[in-house]
Amino acid sequence: PRFELSLPLEMLQAADDRGMPVVVLRRHTAFVSITEDVH
């Protein structure tokens, strides 16, 4: 709904500078299935 193909460069640059991984999910999925699985 917000970012269709990629993220803004400002976010990516800031993430690289801080060493914090940013991951995009290219296939639609329910977040609750992720939280249940991971927890």
Full PDB file with SEQRES, HELIX, SHEET, SSBOND, CRYST1, ORIGX, SCALE, CONECT and MASTER records, all heavy atoms in Angstrom:
SEQRES   1 A   39  PRO ARG PHE GLU LEU SER LEU PRO LEU GLU MET LEU GLN          
SEQRES   2 A   39  ALA ALA ASP ASP ARG GLY MET PRO VAL VAL VAL LEU ARG          
SEQRES   3 A   39  ARG HIS THR ALA PHE VAL SER ILE THR GLU ASP VAL HIS          
HELIX    1 AA1 LEU A    9  ARG A   18  1                                  10    
HELIX    2 AA2 PHE A   31  VAL A   38  1                                   8    
CRYST1    1.000    1.000    1.000  90.00  90.00  90.00 P 1           1          
ORIGX1      1.000000  0.000000  0.000000        0.00000                         
ORIGX2      0.000000  1.000000  0.000000        0.00000                         
ORIGX3      0.000000  0.000000  1.000000        0.00000                         
SCALE1      1.000000  0.000000  0.000000        0.00000                         
SCALE2      0.000000  1.000000  0.000000        0.00000                         
SCALE3      0.000000  0.000000  1.000000        0.00000                         
ATOM      1  N   PRO A   1       0.796  -1.233   0.000  1.00  0.00           N  
ATOM      2  CA  PRO A   1       0.000   0.000   0.000  1.00  0.00           C  
ATOM      3  C   PRO A   1       0.823   1.275   0.000  1.00  0.00           C  
ATOM      4  O   PRO A   1       0.414   2.279  -0.588  1.00  0.00           O  
ATOM      5  CB  PRO A   1      -0.835  -0.129   1.278  1.00  0.00           C  
ATOM      6  CG  PRO A   1      -0.106  -1.110   2.129  1.00  0.00           C  
ATOM      7  CD  PRO A   1       0.538  -2.047   1.185  1.00  0.00           C  
ATOM      8  N   ARG A   2       1.970   1.316   0.642  1.00  0.00           N  
ATOM      9  CA  ARG A   2       2.759   2.557   0.713  1.00  0.00           C  
ATOM     10  C   ARG A   2       3.963   2.491  -0.221  1.00  0.00           C  
ATOM     11  O   ARG A   2       4.224   3.404  -0.992  1.00  0.00           O  
ATOM     12  CB  ARG A   2       3.212   2.793   2.160  1.00  0.00           C  
ATOM     13  CG  ARG A   2       4.139   4.008   2.324  1.00  0.00           C  
ATOM     14  CD  ARG A   2       3.433   5.331   1.940  1.00  0.00           C  
ATOM     15  NE  ARG A   2       4.357   6.434   1.887  1.00  0.00           N  
ATOM     16  CZ  ARG A   2       4.798   7.098   2.957  1.00  0.00           C  
ATOM     17  NH1 ARG A   2       4.393   6.736   4.168  1.00  0.00           N  
ATOM     18  NH2 ARG A   2       5.611   8.118   2.827  1.00  0.00           N  
ATOM     19  N   PHE A   3       4.723   1.439  -0.130  1.00  0.00           N  
ATOM     20  CA  PHE A   3       5.918   1.293  -0.969  1.00  0.00           C  
ATOM     21  C   PHE A   3       5.703   0.083  -1.880  1.00  0.00           C  
ATOM     22  O   PHE A   3       5.723  -1.059  -1.444  1.00  0.00           O  
ATOM     23  CB  PHE A   3       7.167   1.093  -0.106  1.00  0.00           C  
ATOM     24  CG  PHE A   3       7.366   2.169   0.935  1.00  0.00           C  
ATOM     25  CD1 PHE A   3       7.171   1.898   2.294  1.00  0.00           C  
ATOM     26  CD2 PHE A   3       7.737   3.452   0.560  1.00  0.00           C  
ATOM     27  CE1 PHE A   3       7.360   2.885   3.237  1.00  0.00           C  
ATOM     28  CE2 PHE A   3       7.925   4.441   1.511  1.00  0.00           C  
ATOM     29  CZ  PHE A   3       7.722   4.167   2.863  1.00  0.00           C  
ATOM     30  N   GLU A   4       5.521   0.356  -3.145  1.00  0.00           N  
ATOM     31  CA  GLU A   4       5.151  -0.707  -4.067  1.00  0.00           C  
ATOM     32  C   GLU A   4       6.350  -1.521  -4.571  1.00  0.00           C  
ATOM     33  O   GLU A   4       6.284  -2.749  -4.677  1.00  0.00           O  
ATOM     34  CB  GLU A   4       4.391  -0.128  -5.258  1.00  0.00           C  
ATOM     35  CG  GLU A   4       3.031   0.444  -4.891  1.00  0.00           C  
ATOM     36  CD  GLU A   4       2.265   0.892  -6.117  1.00  0.00           C  
ATOM     37  OE1 GLU A   4       2.766   0.647  -7.242  1.00  0.00           O  
ATOM     38  OE2 GLU A   4       1.189   1.470  -5.960  1.00  0.00           O  
ATOM     39  N   LEU A   5       7.450  -0.820  -4.903  1.00  0.00           N  
ATOM     40  CA  LEU A   5       8.595  -1.505  -5.511  1.00  0.00           C  
ATOM     41  C   LEU A   5       9.865  -1.410  -4.678  1.00  0.00           C  
ATOM     42  O   LEU A   5      10.666  -2.346  -4.662  1.00  0.00           O  
ATOM     43  CB  LEU A   5       8.858  -0.948  -6.914  1.00  0.00           C  
ATOM     44  CG  LEU A   5       7.717  -1.121  -7.919  1.00  0.00           C  
ATOM     45  CD1 LEU A   5       8.072  -0.445  -9.231  1.00  0.00           C  
ATOM     46  CD2 LEU A   5       7.433  -2.598  -8.150  1.00  0.00           C  
ATOM     47  N   SER A   6      10.071  -0.272  -4.025  1.00  0.00           N  
ATOM     48  CA  SER A   6      11.308  -0.080  -3.266  1.00  0.00           C  
ATOM     49  C   SER A   6      11.073   0.957  -2.172  1.00  0.00           C  
ATOM     50  O   SER A   6      10.021   1.595  -2.112  1.00  0.00           O  
ATOM     51  CB  SER A   6      12.449   0.370  -4.186  1.00  0.00           C  
ATOM     52  OG  SER A   6      12.127   1.627  -4.773  1.00  0.00           O  
ATOM     53  N   LEU A   7      12.083   1.143  -1.344  1.00  0.00           N  
ATOM     54  CA  LEU A   7      12.016   2.110  -0.257  1.00  0.00           C  
ATOM     55  C   LEU A   7      12.789   3.361  -0.641  1.00  0.00           C  
ATOM     56  O   LEU A   7      13.721   3.323  -1.473  1.00  0.00           O  
ATOM     57  CB  LEU A   7      12.610   1.510   1.021  1.00  0.00           C  
ATOM     58  CG  LEU A   7      11.960   0.217   1.530  1.00  0.00           C  
ATOM     59  CD1 LEU A   7      12.628  -0.214   2.831  1.00  0.00           C  
ATOM     60  CD2 LEU A   7      10.470   0.386   1.730  1.00  0.00           C  
ATOM     61  N   PRO A   8      12.472   4.482   0.001  1.00  0.00           N  
ATOM     62  CA  PRO A   8      13.201   5.729  -0.279  1.00  0.00           C  
ATOM     63  C   PRO A   8      14.685   5.600   0.042  1.00  0.00           C  
ATOM     64  O   PRO A   8      15.078   4.936   1.012  1.00  0.00           O  
ATOM     65  CB  PRO A   8      12.516   6.742   0.633  1.00  0.00           C  
ATOM     66  CG  PRO A   8      11.156   6.189   0.858  1.00  0.00           C  
ATOM     67  CD  PRO A   8      11.333   4.698   0.908  1.00  0.00           C  
ATOM     68  N   LEU A   9      15.483   6.268  -0.776  1.00  0.00           N  
ATOM     69  CA  LEU A   9      16.935   6.203  -0.596  1.00  0.00           C  
ATOM     70  C   LEU A   9      17.367   6.728   0.761  1.00  0.00           C  
ATOM     71  O   LEU A   9      18.364   6.269   1.335  1.00  0.00           O  
ATOM     72  CB  LEU A   9      17.635   6.985  -1.709  1.00  0.00           C  
ATOM     73  CG  LEU A   9      17.533   6.388  -3.119  1.00  0.00           C  
ATOM     74  CD1 LEU A   9      18.203   7.297  -4.134  1.00  0.00           C  
ATOM     75  CD2 LEU A   9      18.165   4.999  -3.151  1.00  0.00           C  
ATOM     76  N   GLU A  10      16.623   7.718   1.303  1.00  0.00           N  
ATOM     77  CA  GLU A  10      16.994   8.295   2.602  1.00  0.00           C  
ATOM     78  C   GLU A  10      16.911   7.227   3.706  1.00  0.00           C  
ATOM     79  O   GLU A  10      17.764   7.183   4.601  1.00  0.00           O  
ATOM     80  CB  GLU A  10      16.069   9.471   2.947  1.00  0.00           C  
ATOM     81  CG  GLU A  10      16.225  10.696   2.050  1.00  0.00           C  
ATOM     82  CD  GLU A  10      15.532  10.522   0.714  1.00  0.00           C  
ATOM     83  OE1 GLU A  10      14.763   9.536   0.560  1.00  0.00           O  
ATOM     84  OE2 GLU A  10      15.760  11.356  -0.176  1.00  0.00           O  
ATOM     85  N   MET A  11      15.923   6.382   3.629  1.00  0.00           N  
ATOM     86  CA  MET A  11      15.807   5.297   4.613  1.00  0.00           C  
ATOM     87  C   MET A  11      16.967   4.301   4.470  1.00  0.00           C  
ATOM     88  O   MET A  11      17.578   3.888   5.462  1.00  0.00           O  
ATOM     89  CB  MET A  11      14.478   4.549   4.423  1.00  0.00           C  
ATOM     90  CG  MET A  11      13.237   5.327   4.809  1.00  0.00           C  
ATOM     91  SD  MET A  11      11.727   4.345   4.570  1.00  0.00           S  
ATOM     92  CE  MET A  11      11.962   3.039   5.766  1.00  0.00           C  
ATOM     93  N   LEU A  12      17.258   3.965   3.250  1.00  0.00           N  
ATOM     94  CA  LEU A  12      18.329   2.996   3.005  1.00  0.00           C  
ATOM     95  C   LEU A  12      19.684   3.541   3.437  1.00  0.00           C  
ATOM     96  O   LEU A  12      20.499   2.821   4.034  1.00  0.00           O  
ATOM     97  CB  LEU A  12      18.353   2.606   1.534  1.00  0.00           C  
ATOM     98  CG  LEU A  12      17.037   2.037   0.965  1.00  0.00           C  
ATOM     99  CD1 LEU A  12      17.231   1.636  -0.495  1.00  0.00           C  
ATOM    100  CD2 LEU A  12      16.576   0.842   1.786  1.00  0.00           C  
ATOM    101  N   GLN A  13      19.936   4.817   3.139  1.00  0.00           N  
ATOM    102  CA  GLN A  13      21.212   5.415   3.517  1.00  0.00           C  
ATOM    103  C   GLN A  13      21.352   5.458   5.031  1.00  0.00           C  
ATOM    104  O   GLN A  13      22.415   5.141   5.586  1.00  0.00           O  
ATOM    105  CB  GLN A  13      21.314   6.830   2.934  1.00  0.00           C  
ATOM    106  CG  GLN A  13      22.666   7.504   3.195  1.00  0.00           C  
ATOM    107  CD  GLN A  13      23.821   6.750   2.556  1.00  0.00           C  
ATOM    108  OE1 GLN A  13      23.785   6.460   1.359  1.00  0.00           O  
ATOM    109  NE2 GLN A  13      24.844   6.444   3.340  1.00  0.00           N  
ATOM    110  N   ALA A  14      20.282   5.852   5.707  1.00  0.00           N  
ATOM    111  CA  ALA A  14      20.328   5.911   7.170  1.00  0.00           C  
ATOM    112  C   ALA A  14      20.539   4.517   7.766  1.00  0.00           C  
ATOM    113  O   ALA A  14      21.276   4.344   8.750  1.00  0.00           O  
ATOM    114  CB  ALA A  14      19.033   6.529   7.707  1.00  0.00           C  
ATOM    115  N   ALA A  15      19.901   3.500   7.196  1.00  0.00           N  
ATOM    116  CA  ALA A  15      20.062   2.136   7.695  1.00  0.00           C  
ATOM    117  C   ALA A  15      21.489   1.642   7.490  1.00  0.00           C  
ATOM    118  O   ALA A  15      22.070   0.986   8.365  1.00  0.00           O  
ATOM    119  CB  ALA A  15      19.079   1.215   6.991  1.00  0.00           C  
ATOM    120  N   ASP A  16      22.083   1.956   6.328  1.00  0.00           N  
ATOM    121  CA  ASP A  16      23.489   1.571   6.098  1.00  0.00           C  
ATOM    122  C   ASP A  16      24.413   2.271   7.078  1.00  0.00           C  
ATOM    123  O   ASP A  16      25.355   1.668   7.602  1.00  0.00           O  
ATOM    124  CB  ASP A  16      23.889   1.903   4.659  1.00  0.00           C  
ATOM    125  CG  ASP A  16      23.394   0.861   3.667  1.00  0.00           C  
ATOM    126  OD1 ASP A  16      23.233  -0.307   4.079  1.00  0.00           O  
ATOM    127  OD2 ASP A  16      23.169   1.210   2.501  1.00  0.00           O  
ATOM    128  N   ASP A  17      24.152   3.568   7.330  1.00  0.00           N  
ATOM    129  CA  ASP A  17      25.002   4.324   8.253  1.00  0.00           C  
ATOM    130  C   ASP A  17      24.932   3.753   9.669  1.00  0.00           C  
ATOM    131  O   ASP A  17      25.941   3.729  10.391  1.00  0.00           O  
ATOM    132  CB  ASP A  17      24.585   5.794   8.272  1.00  0.00           C  
ATOM    133  CG  ASP A  17      24.907   6.504   6.963  1.00  0.00           C  
ATOM    134  OD1 ASP A  17      25.732   5.957   6.197  1.00  0.00           O  
ATOM    135  OD2 ASP A  17      24.331   7.580   6.711  1.00  0.00           O  
ATOM    136  N   ARG A  18      23.762   3.285  10.068  1.00  0.00           N  
ATOM    137  CA  ARG A  18      23.571   2.786  11.426  1.00  0.00           C  
ATOM    138  C   ARG A  18      23.801   1.271  11.544  1.00  0.00           C  
ATOM    139  O   ARG A  18      23.802   0.735  12.639  1.00  0.00           O  
ATOM    140  CB  ARG A  18      22.142   3.100  11.895  1.00  0.00           C  
ATOM    141  CG  ARG A  18      21.896   4.583  12.120  1.00  0.00           C  
ATOM    142  CD  ARG A  18      22.665   5.073  13.324  1.00  0.00           C  
ATOM    143  NE  ARG A  18      22.415   6.493  13.603  1.00  0.00           N  
ATOM    144  CZ  ARG A  18      22.866   7.123  14.684  1.00  0.00           C  
ATOM    145  NH1 ARG A  18      23.602   6.471  15.571  1.00  0.00           N  
ATOM    146  NH2 ARG A  18      22.597   8.397  14.877  1.00  0.00           N  
ATOM    147  N   GLY A  19      23.967   0.594  10.433  1.00  0.00           N  
ATOM    148  CA  GLY A  19      24.166  -0.852  10.478  1.00  0.00           C  
ATOM    149  C   GLY A  19      22.944  -1.601  10.931  1.00  0.00           C  
ATOM    150  O   GLY A  19      23.062  -2.670  11.559  1.00  0.00           O  
ATOM    151  N   MET A  20      21.765  -1.086  10.629  1.00  0.00           N  
ATOM    152  CA  MET A  20      20.523  -1.758  11.004  1.00  0.00           C  
ATOM    153  C   MET A  20      19.890  -2.359   9.750  1.00  0.00           C  
ATOM    154  O   MET A  20      19.559  -1.629   8.813  1.00  0.00           O  
ATOM    155  CB  MET A  20      19.548  -0.783  11.658  1.00  0.00           C  
ATOM    156  CG  MET A  20      18.284  -1.474  12.201  1.00  0.00           C  
ATOM    157  SD  MET A  20      17.057  -0.316  12.814  1.00  0.00           S  
ATOM    158  CE  MET A  20      16.378   0.273  11.254  1.00  0.00           C  
ATOM    159  N   PRO A  21      19.699  -3.672   9.711  1.00  0.00           N  
ATOM    160  CA  PRO A  21      19.141  -4.294   8.513  1.00  0.00           C  
ATOM    161  C   PRO A  21      17.726  -3.812   8.211  1.00  0.00           C  
ATOM    162  O   PRO A  21      16.891  -3.700   9.116  1.00  0.00           O  
ATOM    163  CB  PRO A  21      19.137  -5.783   8.846  1.00  0.00           C  
ATOM    164  CG  PRO A  21      20.151  -5.936   9.922  1.00  0.00           C  
ATOM    165  CD  PRO A  21      20.090  -4.675  10.718  1.00  0.00           C  
ATOM    166  N   VAL A  22      17.491  -3.518   6.931  1.00  0.00           N  
ATOM    167  CA  VAL A  22      16.150  -3.216   6.442  1.00  0.00           C  
ATOM    168  C   VAL A  22      15.811  -4.273   5.402  1.00  0.00           C  
ATOM    169  O   VAL A  22      16.580  -4.502   4.463  1.00  0.00           O  
ATOM    170  CB  VAL A  22      16.060  -1.796   5.843  1.00  0.00           C  
ATOM    171  CG1 VAL A  22      14.686  -1.578   5.205  1.00  0.00           C  
ATOM    172  CG2 VAL A  22      16.318  -0.745   6.912  1.00  0.00           C  
ATOM    173  N   VAL A  23      14.650  -4.936   5.606  1.00  0.00           N  
ATOM    174  CA  VAL A  23      14.244  -6.051   4.758  1.00  0.00           C  
ATOM    175  C   VAL A  23      12.891  -5.723   4.145  1.00  0.00           C  
ATOM    176  O   VAL A  23      11.990  -5.236   4.846  1.00  0.00           O  
ATOM    177  CB  VAL A  23      14.144  -7.353   5.568  1.00  0.00           C  
ATOM    178  CG1 VAL A  23      13.779  -8.523   4.664  1.00  0.00           C  
ATOM    179  CG2 VAL A  23      15.451  -7.627   6.314  1.00  0.00           C  
ATOM    180  N   VAL A  24      12.747  -5.973   2.857  1.00  0.00           N  
ATOM    181  CA  VAL A  24      11.439  -5.805   2.221  1.00  0.00           C  
ATOM    182  C   VAL A  24      10.876  -7.183   1.899  1.00  0.00           C  
ATOM    183  O   VAL A  24      11.622  -8.111   1.546  1.00  0.00           O  
ATOM    184  CB  VAL A  24      11.533  -4.950   0.941  1.00  0.00           C  
ATOM    185  CG1 VAL A  24      11.987  -3.540   1.270  1.00  0.00           C  
ATOM    186  CG2 VAL A  24      12.444  -5.590  -0.088  1.00  0.00           C  
ATOM    187  N   LEU A  25       9.569  -7.330   2.080  1.00  0.00           N  
ATOM    188  CA  LEU A  25       8.863  -8.561   1.750  1.00  0.00           C  
ATOM    189  C   LEU A  25       8.155  -8.360   0.414  1.00  0.00           C  
ATOM    190  O   LEU A  25       7.216  -7.560   0.310  1.00  0.00           O  
ATOM    191  CB  LEU A  25       7.853  -8.910   2.842  1.00  0.00           C  
ATOM    192  CG  LEU A  25       8.422  -9.036   4.262  1.00  0.00           C  
ATOM    193  CD1 LEU A  25       7.317  -9.377   5.249  1.00  0.00           C  
ATOM    194  CD2 LEU A  25       9.547 -10.063   4.317  1.00  0.00           C  
ATOM    195  N   ARG A  26       8.575  -9.061  -0.599  1.00  0.00           N  
ATOM    196  CA  ARG A  26       8.052  -8.842  -1.939  1.00  0.00           C  
ATOM    197  C   ARG A  26       6.752  -9.603  -2.201  1.00  0.00           C  
ATOM    198  O   ARG A  26       6.103  -9.387  -3.209  1.00  0.00           O  
ATOM    199  CB  ARG A  26       9.097  -9.242  -2.972  1.00  0.00           C  
ATOM    200  CG  ARG A  26      10.365  -8.387  -2.881  1.00  0.00           C  
ATOM    201  CD  ARG A  26      11.344  -8.712  -3.972  1.00  0.00           C  
ATOM    202  NE  ARG A  26      11.902 -10.063  -3.837  1.00  0.00           N  
ATOM    203  CZ  ARG A  26      12.881 -10.542  -4.601  1.00  0.00           C  
ATOM    204  NH1 ARG A  26      13.392  -9.778  -5.555  1.00  0.00           N  
ATOM    205  NH2 ARG A  26      13.326 -11.760  -4.417  1.00  0.00           N  
ATOM    206  N   ARG A  27       6.383 -10.471  -1.289  1.00  0.00           N  
ATOM    207  CA  ARG A  27       5.143 -11.215  -1.455  1.00  0.00           C  
ATOM    208  C   ARG A  27       4.229 -10.909  -0.266  1.00  0.00           C  
ATOM    209  O   ARG A  27       4.673 -10.894   0.888  1.00  0.00           O  
ATOM    210  CB  ARG A  27       5.448 -12.713  -1.518  1.00  0.00           C  
ATOM    211  CG  ARG A  27       4.256 -13.584  -1.886  1.00  0.00           C  
ATOM    212  CD  ARG A  27       4.696 -15.033  -2.008  1.00  0.00           C  
ATOM    213  NE  ARG A  27       5.743 -15.168  -3.032  1.00  0.00           N  
ATOM    214  CZ  ARG A  27       6.647 -16.136  -3.047  1.00  0.00           C  
ATOM    215  NH1 ARG A  27       6.661 -17.023  -2.082  1.00  0.00           N  
ATOM    216  NH2 ARG A  27       7.544 -16.190  -4.009  1.00  0.00           N  
ATOM    217  N   HIS A  28       2.976 -10.666  -0.540  1.00  0.00           N  
ATOM    218  CA  HIS A  28       2.032 -10.308   0.519  1.00  0.00           C  
ATOM    219  C   HIS A  28       1.875 -11.472   1.494  1.00  0.00           C  
ATOM    220  O   HIS A  28       1.737 -12.631   1.103  1.00  0.00           O  
ATOM    221  CB  HIS A  28       0.661  -9.949  -0.066  1.00  0.00           C  
ATOM    222  CG  HIS A  28      -0.367  -9.663   0.988  1.00  0.00           C  
ATOM    223  ND1 HIS A  28      -0.343  -8.508   1.742  1.00  0.00           N  
ATOM    224  CD2 HIS A  28      -1.438 -10.389   1.417  1.00  0.00           C  
ATOM    225  CE1 HIS A  28      -1.364  -8.529   2.595  1.00  0.00           C  
ATOM    226  NE2 HIS A  28      -2.040  -9.666   2.411  1.00  0.00           N  
ATOM    227  N   THR A  29       1.897 -11.149   2.795  1.00  0.00           N  
ATOM    228  CA  THR A  29       1.718 -12.165   3.825  1.00  0.00           C  
ATOM    229  C   THR A  29       1.091 -11.529   5.046  1.00  0.00           C  
ATOM    230  O   THR A  29       1.249 -10.310   5.283  1.00  0.00           O  
ATOM    231  CB  THR A  29       3.072 -12.809   4.194  1.00  0.00           C  
ATOM    232  OG1 THR A  29       2.850 -13.905   5.068  1.00  0.00           O  
ATOM    233  CG2 THR A  29       3.985 -11.800   4.868  1.00  0.00           C  
ATOM    234  N   ALA A  30       0.392 -12.301   5.846  1.00  0.00           N  
ATOM    235  CA  ALA A  30      -0.197 -11.793   7.081  1.00  0.00           C  
ATOM    236  C   ALA A  30       0.882 -11.704   8.149  1.00  0.00           C  
ATOM    237  O   ALA A  30       1.552 -12.705   8.443  1.00  0.00           O  
ATOM    238  CB  ALA A  30      -1.325 -12.716   7.532  1.00  0.00           C  
ATOM    239  N   PHE A  31       1.064 -10.520   8.735  1.00  0.00           N  
ATOM    240  CA  PHE A  31       2.099 -10.330   9.746  1.00  0.00           C  
ATOM    241  C   PHE A  31       1.897 -11.253  10.946  1.00  0.00           C  
ATOM    242  O   PHE A  31       2.856 -11.684  11.596  1.00  0.00           O  
ATOM    243  CB  PHE A  31       2.117  -8.874  10.207  1.00  0.00           C  
ATOM    244  CG  PHE A  31       2.798  -7.954   9.235  1.00  0.00           C  
ATOM    245  CD1 PHE A  31       2.792  -6.573   9.439  1.00  0.00           C  
ATOM    246  CD2 PHE A  31       3.456  -8.435   8.122  1.00  0.00           C  
ATOM    247  CE1 PHE A  31       3.423  -5.716   8.550  1.00  0.00           C  
ATOM    248  CE2 PHE A  31       4.094  -7.596   7.225  1.00  0.00           C  
ATOM    249  CZ  PHE A  31       4.070  -6.218   7.436  1.00  0.00           C  
ATOM    250  N   VAL A  32       0.634 -11.566  11.261  1.00  0.00           N  
ATOM    251  CA  VAL A  32       0.389 -12.399  12.429  1.00  0.00           C  
ATOM    252  C   VAL A  32       0.973 -13.794  12.259  1.00  0.00           C  
ATOM    253  O   VAL A  32       1.415 -14.429  13.228  1.00  0.00           O  
ATOM    254  CB  VAL A  32      -1.131 -12.469  12.718  1.00  0.00           C  
ATOM    255  CG1 VAL A  32      -1.874 -13.214  11.595  1.00  0.00           C  
ATOM    256  CG2 VAL A  32      -1.392 -13.141  14.062  1.00  0.00           C  
ATOM    257  N   SER A  33       1.015 -14.298  11.017  1.00  0.00           N  
ATOM    258  CA  SER A  33       1.620 -15.616  10.794  1.00  0.00           C  
ATOM    259  C   SER A  33       3.124 -15.578  11.051  1.00  0.00           C  
ATOM    260  O   SER A  33       3.711 -16.558  11.522  1.00  0.00           O  
ATOM    261  CB  SER A  33       1.334 -16.089   9.370  1.00  0.00           C  
ATOM    262  OG  SER A  33       1.957 -15.239   8.412  1.00  0.00           O  
ATOM    263  N   ILE A  34       3.723 -14.424  10.775  1.00  0.00           N  
ATOM    264  CA  ILE A  34       5.164 -14.275  11.045  1.00  0.00           C  
ATOM    265  C   ILE A  34       5.413 -14.234  12.541  1.00  0.00           C  
ATOM    266  O   ILE A  34       6.315 -14.899  13.065  1.00  0.00           O  
ATOM    267  CB  ILE A  34       5.713 -13.007  10.354  1.00  0.00           C  
ATOM    268  CG1 ILE A  34       5.630 -13.166   8.827  1.00  0.00           C  
ATOM    269  CG2 ILE A  34       7.146 -12.745  10.789  1.00  0.00           C  
ATOM    270  CD1 ILE A  34       6.088 -11.933   8.061  1.00  0.00           C  
ATOM    271  N   THR A  35       4.620 -13.422  13.271  1.00  0.00           N  
ATOM    272  CA  THR A  35       4.838 -13.302  14.711  1.00  0.00           C  
ATOM    273  C   THR A  35       4.603 -14.641  15.412  1.00  0.00           C  
ATOM    274  O   THR A  35       5.364 -15.027  16.311  1.00  0.00           O  
ATOM    275  CB  THR A  35       3.931 -12.226  15.315  1.00  0.00           C  
ATOM    276  OG1 THR A  35       2.557 -12.540  15.036  1.00  0.00           O  
ATOM    277  CG2 THR A  35       4.247 -10.864  14.729  1.00  0.00           C  
ATOM    278  N   GLU A  36       3.571 -15.360  15.017  1.00  0.00           N  
ATOM    279  CA  GLU A  36       3.304 -16.658  15.646  1.00  0.00           C  
ATOM    280  C   GLU A  36       4.459 -17.618  15.394  1.00  0.00           C  
ATOM    281  O   GLU A  36       4.906 -18.336  16.303  1.00  0.00           O  
ATOM    282  CB  GLU A  36       1.999 -17.243  15.102  1.00  0.00           C  
ATOM    283  CG  GLU A  36       0.753 -16.549  15.608  1.00  0.00           C  
ATOM    284  CD  GLU A  36      -0.506 -17.155  15.005  1.00  0.00           C  
ATOM    285  OE1 GLU A  36      -0.372 -17.959  14.039  1.00  0.00           O  
ATOM    286  OE2 GLU A  36      -1.604 -16.850  15.496  1.00  0.00           O  
ATOM    287  N   ASP A  37       4.934 -17.659  14.176  1.00  0.00           N  
ATOM    288  CA  ASP A  37       6.032 -18.560  13.816  1.00  0.00           C  
ATOM    289  C   ASP A  37       7.299 -18.210  14.593  1.00  0.00           C  
ATOM    290  O   ASP A  37       7.922 -19.067  15.236  1.00  0.00           O  
ATOM    291  CB  ASP A  37       6.277 -18.475  12.309  1.00  0.00           C  
ATOM    292  CG  ASP A  37       7.409 -19.403  11.851  1.00  0.00           C  
ATOM    293  OD1 ASP A  37       7.650 -20.418  12.533  1.00  0.00           O  
ATOM    294  OD2 ASP A  37       8.048 -19.110  10.823  1.00  0.00           O  
ATOM    295  N   VAL A  38       7.670 -16.930  14.566  1.00  0.00           N  
ATOM    296  CA  VAL A  38       8.922 -16.517  15.200  1.00  0.00           C  
ATOM    297  C   VAL A  38       8.848 -16.681  16.702  1.00  0.00           C  
ATOM    298  O   VAL A  38       9.778 -17.190  17.347  1.00  0.00           O  
ATOM    299  CB  VAL A  38       9.267 -15.067  14.819  1.00  0.00           C  
ATOM    300  CG1 VAL A  38      10.519 -14.608  15.575  1.00  0.00           C  
ATOM    301  CG2 VAL A  38       9.487 -14.948  13.319  1.00  0.00           C  
ATOM    302  N   HIS A  39       7.742 -16.256  17.334  1.00  0.00           N  
ATOM    303  CA  HIS A  39       7.651 -16.351  18.789  1.00  0.00           C  
ATOM    304  C   HIS A  39       7.652 -17.798  19.258  1.00  0.00           C  
ATOM    305  O   HIS A  39       8.254 -18.124  20.292  1.00  0.00           O  
ATOM    306  CB  HIS A  39       6.389 -15.629  19.270  1.00  0.00           C  
ATOM    307  CG  HIS A  39       6.441 -14.158  19.078  1.00  0.00           C  
ATOM    308  ND1 HIS A  39       5.338 -13.342  19.138  1.00  0.00           N  
ATOM    309  CD2 HIS A  39       7.486 -13.328  18.805  1.00  0.00           C  
ATOM    310  CE1 HIS A  39       5.692 -12.074  18.931  1.00  0.00           C  
ATOM    311  NE2 HIS A  39       6.996 -12.053  18.713  1.00  0.00           N  
TER     312      HIS A  39                                                      
MASTER        0    0    0    2    0    0    0    6  311    1    0    3          
END                                                                             
